N, C-alpha and C. Protein backbone atom coordinates (compact mmCIF):
# COMPACT_ATOMS: atom_id res chain seq x y z
N MET A 1 -44.15 -6.63 -92.31
CA MET A 1 -43.00 -5.81 -91.98
C MET A 1 -41.74 -6.57 -92.42
N SER A 2 -40.85 -5.91 -93.13
CA SER A 2 -39.70 -6.54 -93.61
C SER A 2 -38.53 -6.21 -92.66
N ALA A 3 -37.62 -7.07 -92.40
CA ALA A 3 -36.50 -6.85 -91.59
C ALA A 3 -35.32 -6.23 -92.29
N ALA A 4 -35.61 -5.89 -93.56
CA ALA A 4 -34.42 -5.39 -94.42
C ALA A 4 -33.94 -4.15 -93.79
N GLY A 5 -32.65 -4.02 -93.70
CA GLY A 5 -31.94 -2.89 -93.32
C GLY A 5 -30.68 -2.78 -94.06
N PRO A 6 -29.60 -2.21 -93.38
CA PRO A 6 -28.31 -2.16 -94.02
C PRO A 6 -27.76 -3.60 -94.25
N PRO A 7 -26.86 -3.68 -95.23
CA PRO A 7 -26.31 -5.01 -95.53
C PRO A 7 -25.70 -5.59 -94.30
N ALA A 8 -25.86 -6.93 -94.16
CA ALA A 8 -25.35 -7.59 -92.98
C ALA A 8 -23.88 -7.48 -92.93
N ARG A 9 -23.26 -7.32 -91.77
CA ARG A 9 -21.85 -7.31 -91.54
C ARG A 9 -21.41 -8.47 -90.61
N ARG A 10 -20.31 -8.95 -90.82
CA ARG A 10 -19.80 -10.02 -89.88
C ARG A 10 -19.00 -9.36 -88.78
N TYR A 11 -19.15 -9.75 -87.57
CA TYR A 11 -18.46 -9.33 -86.45
C TYR A 11 -17.76 -10.42 -85.85
N PRO A 12 -16.50 -10.19 -85.51
CA PRO A 12 -15.72 -11.24 -84.72
C PRO A 12 -16.41 -11.59 -83.40
N ARG A 13 -16.36 -12.92 -83.12
CA ARG A 13 -16.95 -13.40 -81.88
C ARG A 13 -15.89 -13.18 -80.76
N PRO A 14 -16.30 -12.78 -79.62
CA PRO A 14 -15.27 -12.70 -78.54
C PRO A 14 -14.69 -14.09 -78.24
N THR A 15 -13.46 -14.05 -77.97
CA THR A 15 -12.71 -15.32 -77.54
C THR A 15 -13.11 -15.69 -76.19
N ARG A 16 -12.80 -16.90 -75.72
CA ARG A 16 -13.01 -17.32 -74.29
C ARG A 16 -12.37 -16.42 -73.41
N GLU A 17 -11.14 -16.01 -73.76
CA GLU A 17 -10.39 -15.04 -72.83
C GLU A 17 -11.01 -13.76 -72.78
N GLN A 18 -11.53 -13.18 -73.84
CA GLN A 18 -12.25 -11.97 -73.81
C GLN A 18 -13.56 -12.00 -72.92
N LEU A 19 -14.25 -13.16 -73.08
CA LEU A 19 -15.43 -13.34 -72.31
C LEU A 19 -15.01 -13.44 -70.84
N ALA A 20 -14.09 -14.20 -70.51
CA ALA A 20 -13.64 -14.31 -69.10
C ALA A 20 -13.23 -12.92 -68.59
N ALA A 21 -12.58 -12.15 -69.32
CA ALA A 21 -12.08 -10.82 -68.89
C ALA A 21 -13.18 -9.80 -68.72
N ALA A 22 -14.34 -10.20 -69.33
CA ALA A 22 -15.49 -9.25 -69.31
C ALA A 22 -16.31 -9.39 -67.98
N ALA A 23 -16.06 -10.32 -67.24
CA ALA A 23 -16.74 -10.52 -65.97
C ALA A 23 -16.59 -9.25 -65.01
N ASP A 24 -17.70 -8.77 -64.53
CA ASP A 24 -17.67 -7.54 -63.64
C ASP A 24 -17.51 -6.23 -64.42
N LYS A 25 -17.25 -6.31 -65.73
CA LYS A 25 -17.09 -5.02 -66.50
C LYS A 25 -18.42 -4.27 -66.49
N LEU A 26 -18.28 -2.96 -66.67
CA LEU A 26 -19.58 -2.16 -66.87
C LEU A 26 -19.73 -1.82 -68.30
N LEU A 27 -21.00 -1.75 -68.59
CA LEU A 27 -21.41 -1.36 -69.98
C LEU A 27 -22.08 0.00 -69.93
N PRO A 28 -21.60 1.01 -70.74
CA PRO A 28 -22.18 2.34 -70.67
C PRO A 28 -23.68 2.30 -71.16
N ASP A 29 -24.43 3.18 -70.58
CA ASP A 29 -25.80 3.32 -71.01
C ASP A 29 -25.90 3.98 -72.40
N VAL A 30 -27.01 3.68 -73.07
CA VAL A 30 -27.36 4.37 -74.23
C VAL A 30 -28.60 5.25 -73.79
N ILE A 31 -28.32 6.51 -73.57
CA ILE A 31 -29.34 7.26 -72.87
C ILE A 31 -29.28 8.78 -73.26
N ALA A 32 -30.37 9.48 -73.23
CA ALA A 32 -30.49 10.95 -73.49
C ALA A 32 -31.68 11.42 -72.70
N PRO A 33 -31.64 12.70 -72.44
CA PRO A 33 -32.84 13.31 -71.83
C PRO A 33 -34.07 13.22 -72.67
N GLY A 34 -35.20 13.05 -72.02
CA GLY A 34 -36.47 13.07 -72.71
C GLY A 34 -36.87 11.96 -73.67
N LEU A 35 -36.36 10.79 -73.36
CA LEU A 35 -36.64 9.65 -74.36
C LEU A 35 -38.11 9.29 -74.20
N ASP A 36 -38.61 8.60 -75.19
CA ASP A 36 -40.02 8.07 -75.06
C ASP A 36 -40.00 6.77 -74.19
N VAL A 37 -38.99 5.97 -74.38
CA VAL A 37 -38.90 4.72 -73.59
C VAL A 37 -37.48 4.35 -73.25
N LEU A 38 -37.17 4.19 -71.95
CA LEU A 38 -35.86 3.78 -71.44
C LEU A 38 -36.13 2.21 -71.21
N LEU A 39 -35.47 1.42 -71.86
CA LEU A 39 -35.38 0.00 -71.79
C LEU A 39 -34.41 -0.46 -70.76
N VAL A 40 -34.75 -1.31 -69.79
CA VAL A 40 -33.93 -1.59 -68.67
C VAL A 40 -33.64 -3.16 -68.63
N GLY A 41 -32.36 -3.56 -68.99
CA GLY A 41 -32.06 -4.90 -69.00
C GLY A 41 -31.78 -5.33 -67.46
N ILE A 42 -31.66 -6.63 -67.31
CA ILE A 42 -31.33 -7.04 -65.87
C ILE A 42 -29.84 -6.65 -65.57
N ASN A 43 -28.91 -7.12 -66.34
CA ASN A 43 -27.57 -6.75 -66.26
C ASN A 43 -26.88 -7.22 -67.52
N PRO A 44 -25.72 -6.69 -67.84
CA PRO A 44 -25.08 -7.15 -69.09
C PRO A 44 -24.54 -8.52 -68.93
N GLY A 45 -24.67 -9.25 -69.99
CA GLY A 45 -24.00 -10.61 -70.12
C GLY A 45 -22.53 -10.39 -70.45
N LEU A 46 -21.74 -11.46 -70.34
CA LEU A 46 -20.32 -11.37 -70.70
C LEU A 46 -20.13 -11.03 -72.18
N TRP A 47 -20.99 -11.46 -73.08
CA TRP A 47 -20.82 -11.19 -74.51
C TRP A 47 -21.00 -9.66 -74.67
N SER A 48 -22.09 -9.09 -74.04
CA SER A 48 -22.32 -7.66 -74.16
C SER A 48 -21.16 -6.91 -73.63
N ALA A 49 -20.66 -7.30 -72.47
CA ALA A 49 -19.52 -6.60 -71.89
C ALA A 49 -18.26 -6.67 -72.69
N ALA A 50 -18.10 -7.78 -73.32
CA ALA A 50 -16.89 -7.97 -74.26
C ALA A 50 -16.97 -7.16 -75.54
N THR A 51 -18.19 -7.02 -76.01
CA THR A 51 -18.38 -6.29 -77.31
C THR A 51 -18.63 -4.79 -77.09
N GLY A 52 -19.22 -4.44 -75.92
CA GLY A 52 -19.66 -3.08 -75.68
C GLY A 52 -21.00 -2.76 -76.22
N TRP A 53 -21.82 -3.82 -76.49
CA TRP A 53 -23.19 -3.70 -77.03
C TRP A 53 -24.14 -4.41 -76.19
N HIS A 54 -25.23 -3.62 -75.87
CA HIS A 54 -26.35 -4.29 -75.11
C HIS A 54 -27.04 -5.39 -75.84
N PHE A 55 -27.44 -6.43 -75.10
CA PHE A 55 -28.21 -7.52 -75.71
C PHE A 55 -27.41 -8.09 -76.93
N ALA A 56 -26.07 -8.29 -76.84
CA ALA A 56 -25.30 -8.57 -77.95
C ALA A 56 -25.21 -10.09 -78.15
N ARG A 57 -25.47 -10.97 -77.22
CA ARG A 57 -25.22 -12.34 -77.50
C ARG A 57 -26.17 -12.90 -78.61
N PRO A 58 -25.47 -13.71 -79.51
CA PRO A 58 -26.40 -14.30 -80.49
C PRO A 58 -27.48 -15.26 -79.75
N GLY A 59 -28.61 -15.16 -80.25
CA GLY A 59 -29.68 -15.96 -79.62
C GLY A 59 -30.51 -15.05 -78.67
N ASN A 60 -30.03 -13.87 -78.30
CA ASN A 60 -30.85 -13.04 -77.44
C ASN A 60 -31.83 -12.36 -78.43
N ARG A 61 -33.10 -12.35 -78.05
CA ARG A 61 -34.20 -11.92 -79.03
C ARG A 61 -34.60 -10.49 -78.74
N PHE A 62 -33.78 -9.74 -78.03
CA PHE A 62 -34.18 -8.27 -77.78
C PHE A 62 -34.33 -7.54 -79.07
N TRP A 63 -33.32 -7.49 -79.89
CA TRP A 63 -33.33 -6.66 -81.16
C TRP A 63 -34.43 -7.11 -82.00
N PRO A 64 -34.64 -8.43 -82.31
CA PRO A 64 -35.82 -8.81 -83.08
C PRO A 64 -37.12 -8.42 -82.52
N ALA A 65 -37.26 -8.51 -81.15
CA ALA A 65 -38.50 -8.10 -80.47
C ALA A 65 -38.77 -6.60 -80.63
N LEU A 66 -37.71 -5.85 -80.55
CA LEU A 66 -37.80 -4.37 -80.71
C LEU A 66 -38.31 -4.00 -82.12
N TYR A 67 -37.71 -4.75 -83.11
CA TYR A 67 -38.27 -4.52 -84.51
C TYR A 67 -39.72 -5.00 -84.64
N ARG A 68 -39.95 -6.30 -84.10
CA ARG A 68 -41.38 -6.84 -84.32
C ARG A 68 -42.34 -5.96 -83.56
N GLY A 69 -41.99 -5.33 -82.42
CA GLY A 69 -42.78 -4.41 -81.78
C GLY A 69 -43.07 -3.16 -82.41
N GLY A 70 -42.44 -2.81 -83.51
CA GLY A 70 -42.56 -1.51 -84.20
C GLY A 70 -41.75 -0.35 -83.76
N PHE A 71 -40.76 -0.63 -82.92
CA PHE A 71 -39.88 0.45 -82.35
C PHE A 71 -38.85 0.86 -83.38
N THR A 72 -38.36 -0.07 -84.23
CA THR A 72 -37.27 0.24 -85.17
C THR A 72 -37.82 -0.01 -86.55
N PRO A 73 -37.22 0.71 -87.62
CA PRO A 73 -37.63 0.51 -89.01
C PRO A 73 -37.08 -0.82 -89.63
N TYR A 74 -36.13 -1.38 -89.02
CA TYR A 74 -35.60 -2.66 -89.44
C TYR A 74 -34.93 -3.24 -88.22
N GLN A 75 -34.58 -4.59 -88.30
CA GLN A 75 -33.90 -5.18 -87.14
C GLN A 75 -32.50 -4.71 -86.96
N LEU A 76 -32.24 -3.98 -85.96
CA LEU A 76 -30.89 -3.35 -85.76
C LEU A 76 -29.96 -4.48 -85.28
N HIS A 77 -28.67 -4.31 -85.61
CA HIS A 77 -27.65 -5.12 -85.09
C HIS A 77 -27.28 -4.40 -83.71
N PRO A 78 -26.85 -5.16 -82.69
CA PRO A 78 -26.42 -4.41 -81.41
C PRO A 78 -25.41 -3.33 -81.69
N SER A 79 -24.63 -3.47 -82.65
CA SER A 79 -23.59 -2.42 -82.88
C SER A 79 -24.22 -1.10 -83.29
N GLU A 80 -25.54 -1.10 -83.65
CA GLU A 80 -26.26 0.10 -84.00
C GLU A 80 -27.00 0.81 -82.85
N GLN A 81 -26.63 0.37 -81.65
CA GLN A 81 -27.42 0.89 -80.49
C GLN A 81 -27.27 2.30 -80.28
N ASP A 82 -26.22 2.99 -80.68
CA ASP A 82 -26.10 4.40 -80.49
C ASP A 82 -27.13 5.24 -81.33
N GLY A 83 -27.77 4.53 -82.27
CA GLY A 83 -28.87 5.27 -83.03
C GLY A 83 -30.15 5.25 -82.24
N LEU A 84 -30.33 4.52 -81.27
CA LEU A 84 -31.59 4.39 -80.49
C LEU A 84 -32.13 5.74 -80.05
N PRO A 85 -31.33 6.66 -79.42
CA PRO A 85 -31.91 7.96 -78.95
C PRO A 85 -32.63 8.71 -80.01
N ALA A 86 -32.17 8.58 -81.24
CA ALA A 86 -32.79 9.30 -82.38
C ALA A 86 -34.21 8.76 -82.64
N LEU A 87 -34.48 7.49 -82.23
CA LEU A 87 -35.78 6.86 -82.29
C LEU A 87 -36.58 6.95 -80.97
N GLY A 88 -36.08 7.75 -80.07
CA GLY A 88 -36.78 7.97 -78.76
C GLY A 88 -36.48 6.89 -77.70
N LEU A 89 -35.53 6.09 -77.98
CA LEU A 89 -35.20 4.89 -77.09
C LEU A 89 -33.83 4.99 -76.41
N GLY A 90 -33.74 4.29 -75.28
CA GLY A 90 -32.54 4.18 -74.62
C GLY A 90 -32.39 2.87 -73.93
N ILE A 91 -31.20 2.51 -73.59
CA ILE A 91 -31.00 1.27 -72.81
C ILE A 91 -30.09 1.46 -71.56
N THR A 92 -30.42 0.87 -70.47
CA THR A 92 -29.66 0.87 -69.27
C THR A 92 -29.83 -0.52 -68.68
N ASN A 93 -29.24 -0.74 -67.50
CA ASN A 93 -29.35 -2.05 -66.84
C ASN A 93 -29.78 -1.81 -65.39
N LEU A 94 -30.53 -2.70 -64.80
CA LEU A 94 -30.87 -2.65 -63.34
C LEU A 94 -29.56 -2.79 -62.56
N VAL A 95 -28.70 -3.70 -62.96
CA VAL A 95 -27.39 -3.92 -62.27
C VAL A 95 -26.40 -3.69 -63.29
N ALA A 96 -25.38 -2.91 -63.07
CA ALA A 96 -24.38 -2.53 -64.01
C ALA A 96 -23.27 -3.62 -64.38
N ARG A 97 -23.06 -4.36 -63.41
CA ARG A 97 -21.84 -5.37 -63.67
C ARG A 97 -22.31 -6.55 -64.51
N ALA A 98 -21.38 -7.02 -65.26
CA ALA A 98 -21.51 -8.06 -66.18
C ALA A 98 -21.29 -9.41 -65.47
N THR A 99 -22.13 -10.40 -65.77
CA THR A 99 -22.08 -11.76 -65.25
C THR A 99 -22.44 -12.74 -66.44
N ALA A 100 -22.06 -14.00 -66.19
CA ALA A 100 -22.36 -14.97 -67.22
C ALA A 100 -23.92 -15.17 -67.29
N ARG A 101 -24.60 -15.22 -66.05
CA ARG A 101 -25.96 -15.45 -65.90
C ARG A 101 -26.53 -14.44 -64.95
N ALA A 102 -27.73 -14.04 -65.14
CA ALA A 102 -28.45 -13.04 -64.24
C ALA A 102 -28.69 -13.69 -62.89
N ASP A 103 -28.72 -15.01 -62.74
CA ASP A 103 -28.96 -15.57 -61.44
C ASP A 103 -27.63 -15.51 -60.58
N GLU A 104 -26.62 -15.00 -61.08
CA GLU A 104 -25.40 -14.64 -60.23
C GLU A 104 -25.57 -13.40 -59.42
N LEU A 105 -26.63 -12.60 -59.72
CA LEU A 105 -26.80 -11.39 -59.02
C LEU A 105 -27.55 -11.72 -57.68
N THR A 106 -27.20 -10.81 -56.69
CA THR A 106 -27.93 -11.01 -55.38
C THR A 106 -29.15 -10.12 -55.32
N ALA A 107 -30.08 -10.44 -54.49
CA ALA A 107 -31.31 -9.61 -54.22
C ALA A 107 -30.89 -8.19 -53.88
N ALA A 108 -29.85 -8.07 -53.01
CA ALA A 108 -29.39 -6.73 -52.64
C ALA A 108 -28.92 -5.93 -53.82
N GLU A 109 -28.19 -6.53 -54.82
CA GLU A 109 -27.76 -5.88 -55.97
C GLU A 109 -29.00 -5.33 -56.75
N LEU A 110 -30.04 -6.18 -56.89
CA LEU A 110 -31.22 -5.81 -57.62
C LEU A 110 -31.95 -4.66 -56.92
N VAL A 111 -32.03 -4.65 -55.60
CA VAL A 111 -32.70 -3.59 -54.88
C VAL A 111 -31.93 -2.25 -54.98
N ALA A 112 -30.55 -2.37 -54.82
CA ALA A 112 -29.70 -1.18 -55.03
C ALA A 112 -29.81 -0.63 -56.48
N GLY A 113 -29.93 -1.51 -57.43
CA GLY A 113 -30.14 -1.12 -58.85
C GLY A 113 -31.36 -0.42 -59.02
N ALA A 114 -32.46 -0.85 -58.38
CA ALA A 114 -33.76 -0.22 -58.59
C ALA A 114 -33.68 1.16 -58.12
N ALA A 115 -32.98 1.42 -56.96
CA ALA A 115 -32.86 2.82 -56.34
C ALA A 115 -32.01 3.68 -57.35
N GLU A 116 -30.91 3.06 -57.92
CA GLU A 116 -30.11 3.74 -58.91
C GLU A 116 -30.90 4.13 -60.13
N LEU A 117 -31.71 3.20 -60.57
CA LEU A 117 -32.50 3.41 -61.70
C LEU A 117 -33.51 4.62 -61.49
N ALA A 118 -34.01 4.60 -60.36
CA ALA A 118 -35.00 5.68 -60.04
C ALA A 118 -34.39 7.09 -60.13
N ALA A 119 -33.13 7.25 -59.64
CA ALA A 119 -32.38 8.41 -59.66
C ALA A 119 -32.06 8.75 -61.19
N LYS A 120 -31.70 7.74 -61.98
CA LYS A 120 -31.42 7.95 -63.40
C LYS A 120 -32.64 8.51 -64.03
N VAL A 121 -33.78 7.86 -63.74
CA VAL A 121 -35.05 8.24 -64.41
C VAL A 121 -35.34 9.67 -64.07
N GLU A 122 -35.17 10.13 -62.85
CA GLU A 122 -35.45 11.45 -62.50
C GLU A 122 -34.55 12.39 -63.13
N ARG A 123 -33.26 12.00 -63.34
CA ARG A 123 -32.31 12.85 -64.00
C ARG A 123 -32.68 13.01 -65.50
N TYR A 124 -32.91 11.86 -66.19
CA TYR A 124 -33.16 11.84 -67.75
C TYR A 124 -34.59 12.16 -68.18
N ARG A 125 -35.50 11.87 -67.24
CA ARG A 125 -36.99 12.04 -67.60
C ARG A 125 -37.54 11.41 -68.76
N PRO A 126 -37.36 10.04 -68.94
CA PRO A 126 -38.05 9.45 -70.04
C PRO A 126 -39.55 9.34 -69.66
N ARG A 127 -40.39 9.26 -70.70
CA ARG A 127 -41.76 9.14 -70.51
C ARG A 127 -42.20 7.71 -69.94
N TRP A 128 -41.58 6.71 -70.50
CA TRP A 128 -41.81 5.32 -70.03
C TRP A 128 -40.47 4.68 -69.64
N VAL A 129 -40.57 3.78 -68.72
CA VAL A 129 -39.47 2.87 -68.31
C VAL A 129 -39.98 1.50 -68.42
N ALA A 130 -39.22 0.60 -69.20
CA ALA A 130 -39.63 -0.71 -69.46
C ALA A 130 -38.62 -1.63 -68.93
N VAL A 131 -38.82 -2.42 -67.79
CA VAL A 131 -37.93 -3.28 -67.31
C VAL A 131 -38.14 -4.63 -68.08
N VAL A 132 -36.97 -5.22 -68.58
CA VAL A 132 -37.04 -6.31 -69.39
C VAL A 132 -36.69 -7.57 -68.50
N GLY A 133 -37.60 -8.10 -67.85
CA GLY A 133 -37.48 -9.25 -66.97
C GLY A 133 -38.29 -9.14 -65.68
N VAL A 134 -39.35 -9.88 -65.61
CA VAL A 134 -40.29 -9.77 -64.44
C VAL A 134 -39.68 -10.15 -63.17
N THR A 135 -38.85 -11.22 -63.15
CA THR A 135 -38.34 -11.69 -61.84
C THR A 135 -37.40 -10.70 -61.23
N ALA A 136 -36.49 -10.09 -62.03
CA ALA A 136 -35.65 -9.05 -61.53
C ALA A 136 -36.51 -7.79 -61.01
N TYR A 137 -37.54 -7.54 -61.75
CA TYR A 137 -38.31 -6.38 -61.41
C TYR A 137 -39.05 -6.71 -60.02
N ARG A 138 -39.62 -7.87 -59.88
CA ARG A 138 -40.26 -8.32 -58.63
C ARG A 138 -39.30 -8.23 -57.42
N ILE A 139 -38.07 -8.64 -57.57
CA ILE A 139 -37.06 -8.53 -56.51
C ILE A 139 -36.63 -7.14 -56.26
N GLY A 140 -36.17 -6.42 -57.34
CA GLY A 140 -35.60 -5.16 -57.23
C GLY A 140 -36.53 -4.07 -56.69
N PHE A 141 -37.79 -4.26 -57.03
CA PHE A 141 -38.83 -3.24 -56.63
C PHE A 141 -39.79 -3.68 -55.52
N ALA A 142 -39.51 -4.85 -55.00
CA ALA A 142 -40.30 -5.44 -53.84
C ALA A 142 -41.76 -5.54 -54.25
N ARG A 143 -42.04 -6.05 -55.43
CA ARG A 143 -43.31 -6.27 -56.02
C ARG A 143 -43.50 -7.75 -56.35
N PRO A 144 -43.59 -8.58 -55.30
CA PRO A 144 -43.50 -10.07 -55.61
C PRO A 144 -44.61 -10.63 -56.51
N LYS A 145 -45.76 -9.93 -56.70
CA LYS A 145 -46.87 -10.43 -57.44
C LYS A 145 -46.96 -9.67 -58.77
N ALA A 146 -46.02 -8.85 -59.05
CA ALA A 146 -46.10 -8.02 -60.39
C ALA A 146 -46.22 -8.92 -61.58
N GLY A 147 -46.85 -8.53 -62.56
CA GLY A 147 -46.97 -9.27 -63.85
C GLY A 147 -46.39 -8.44 -65.02
N PHE A 148 -46.60 -8.95 -66.24
CA PHE A 148 -46.17 -8.20 -67.35
C PHE A 148 -47.09 -7.05 -67.64
N GLY A 149 -46.61 -6.05 -68.34
CA GLY A 149 -47.44 -4.94 -68.86
C GLY A 149 -47.30 -3.76 -67.94
N PRO A 150 -48.23 -2.80 -68.05
CA PRO A 150 -48.17 -1.55 -67.27
C PRO A 150 -48.22 -1.86 -65.71
N GLN A 151 -47.53 -1.05 -65.03
CA GLN A 151 -47.44 -1.26 -63.50
C GLN A 151 -48.20 -0.05 -62.90
N PRO A 152 -48.88 -0.16 -61.80
CA PRO A 152 -49.67 0.94 -61.19
C PRO A 152 -48.86 2.07 -60.68
N GLU A 153 -47.63 1.89 -60.28
CA GLU A 153 -46.85 2.94 -59.72
C GLU A 153 -45.88 3.45 -60.77
N PRO A 154 -45.64 4.81 -60.81
CA PRO A 154 -44.64 5.38 -61.59
C PRO A 154 -43.29 5.28 -61.05
N LEU A 155 -42.24 5.50 -61.82
CA LEU A 155 -40.89 5.56 -61.38
C LEU A 155 -40.31 6.85 -61.78
N GLY A 156 -40.03 7.63 -60.71
CA GLY A 156 -39.35 8.93 -61.04
C GLY A 156 -40.05 9.82 -61.97
N GLY A 157 -41.45 9.68 -62.01
CA GLY A 157 -42.23 10.53 -62.89
C GLY A 157 -42.55 9.81 -64.25
N ALA A 158 -42.01 8.75 -64.48
CA ALA A 158 -42.18 8.01 -65.72
C ALA A 158 -43.21 6.88 -65.51
N ARG A 159 -44.00 6.53 -66.55
CA ARG A 159 -44.85 5.35 -66.50
C ARG A 159 -43.96 4.14 -66.52
N LEU A 160 -44.38 3.00 -65.82
CA LEU A 160 -43.54 1.90 -65.68
C LEU A 160 -44.25 0.65 -66.37
N TRP A 161 -43.44 -0.11 -67.08
CA TRP A 161 -43.84 -1.31 -67.80
C TRP A 161 -42.96 -2.49 -67.62
N VAL A 162 -43.36 -3.70 -67.55
CA VAL A 162 -42.49 -4.87 -67.43
C VAL A 162 -42.80 -5.69 -68.66
N LEU A 163 -41.62 -6.04 -69.35
CA LEU A 163 -41.65 -6.79 -70.49
C LEU A 163 -40.94 -8.23 -70.19
N PRO A 164 -41.24 -9.22 -70.94
CA PRO A 164 -40.59 -10.54 -70.79
C PRO A 164 -39.09 -10.44 -71.09
N ASN A 165 -38.30 -11.21 -70.39
CA ASN A 165 -36.86 -11.30 -70.68
C ASN A 165 -36.65 -11.91 -72.09
N PRO A 166 -35.93 -11.28 -72.95
CA PRO A 166 -35.80 -11.84 -74.33
C PRO A 166 -34.57 -12.82 -74.44
N SER A 167 -34.02 -13.25 -73.28
CA SER A 167 -32.90 -14.15 -73.40
C SER A 167 -33.39 -15.41 -74.09
N GLY A 168 -32.46 -16.03 -74.79
CA GLY A 168 -32.80 -17.34 -75.40
C GLY A 168 -33.11 -18.44 -74.38
N LEU A 169 -32.72 -18.13 -73.12
CA LEU A 169 -32.94 -19.11 -72.05
C LEU A 169 -34.45 -19.04 -71.58
N ASN A 170 -35.24 -17.97 -71.95
CA ASN A 170 -36.57 -17.77 -71.55
C ASN A 170 -37.42 -18.44 -72.69
N ALA A 171 -37.65 -19.75 -72.65
CA ALA A 171 -38.33 -20.42 -73.54
C ALA A 171 -39.83 -20.27 -73.51
N HIS A 172 -40.37 -19.66 -72.51
CA HIS A 172 -41.76 -19.44 -72.41
C HIS A 172 -42.30 -18.52 -73.45
N PHE A 173 -41.46 -17.65 -74.01
CA PHE A 173 -41.80 -16.68 -74.97
C PHE A 173 -41.15 -16.98 -76.27
N THR A 174 -41.94 -17.05 -77.36
CA THR A 174 -41.46 -17.16 -78.71
C THR A 174 -41.08 -15.80 -79.31
N PRO A 175 -40.37 -15.83 -80.46
CA PRO A 175 -40.10 -14.44 -81.05
C PRO A 175 -41.44 -13.73 -81.39
N GLU A 176 -42.43 -14.42 -81.72
CA GLU A 176 -43.74 -13.81 -82.02
C GLU A 176 -44.38 -13.15 -80.74
N THR A 177 -44.39 -13.97 -79.69
CA THR A 177 -45.01 -13.44 -78.51
C THR A 177 -44.15 -12.33 -77.83
N LEU A 178 -42.83 -12.42 -77.98
CA LEU A 178 -42.04 -11.25 -77.50
C LEU A 178 -42.32 -10.04 -78.34
N GLY A 179 -42.44 -10.18 -79.68
CA GLY A 179 -42.74 -9.04 -80.47
C GLY A 179 -44.06 -8.40 -80.10
N ALA A 180 -45.05 -9.29 -79.79
CA ALA A 180 -46.37 -8.80 -79.35
C ALA A 180 -46.27 -8.00 -78.12
N ALA A 181 -45.45 -8.53 -77.14
CA ALA A 181 -45.41 -7.86 -75.82
C ALA A 181 -44.73 -6.48 -76.10
N PHE A 182 -43.73 -6.36 -76.90
CA PHE A 182 -43.11 -5.11 -77.25
C PHE A 182 -44.04 -4.23 -77.92
N ALA A 183 -44.86 -4.68 -78.82
CA ALA A 183 -45.88 -3.93 -79.52
C ALA A 183 -46.90 -3.33 -78.59
N GLU A 184 -47.31 -4.03 -77.50
CA GLU A 184 -48.21 -3.48 -76.57
C GLU A 184 -47.61 -2.23 -75.94
N LEU A 185 -46.33 -2.30 -75.56
CA LEU A 185 -45.65 -1.12 -75.00
C LEU A 185 -45.60 0.02 -76.05
N ARG A 186 -45.24 -0.34 -77.37
CA ARG A 186 -45.18 0.65 -78.29
C ARG A 186 -46.46 1.39 -78.46
N THR A 187 -47.63 0.64 -78.44
CA THR A 187 -48.93 1.32 -78.55
C THR A 187 -49.21 2.24 -77.43
N ALA A 188 -48.85 1.74 -76.18
CA ALA A 188 -49.06 2.61 -74.97
C ALA A 188 -48.17 3.80 -75.10
N ALA A 189 -46.96 3.69 -75.41
CA ALA A 189 -45.99 4.75 -75.50
C ALA A 189 -46.32 5.78 -76.52
N SER A 190 -46.96 5.43 -77.59
CA SER A 190 -47.27 6.33 -78.69
C SER A 190 -48.62 7.06 -78.41
N GLY A 191 -49.29 6.70 -77.38
CA GLY A 191 -50.57 7.42 -77.04
C GLY A 191 -50.46 8.60 -76.28
């Protein structure tokens, strides 16, 4: 699989001031009715909130994993996120507010976010919901022993899956193993 896509563009990096101003900002969902897979991040990082693009921080391996998993024809840049619904994909977050690190979120925020996500899923009716981060899933959905992969319970009528967190801080997963985890979901979602 070649990652060739449109010519690479350079995007300005957010300044320290822009990153600081992004704290607690909200990032709009990329969502449409009837998606094949709604991908659910934990919450936006400051880089994402400053740019307006999900999983935008350099070093985050979400976009490469999406490509390696066979979801996209080439490795998309975060600025291309609005093209995801045409591919049957969407992105939202468990908690809407931006923070520097996911560990700044409280358990109560994750639980409230899970309830809001369930309502969103009932409204938009994706076939699959994939939470990107097992620890946030365990806390938000009160499933302390949940693992990666398909989950036994549905969410708002959708099948539920848990993927590894693609943050560069999650060194337990390489780009290859992240791509393989995404590919497992792709296989399940295409069946």
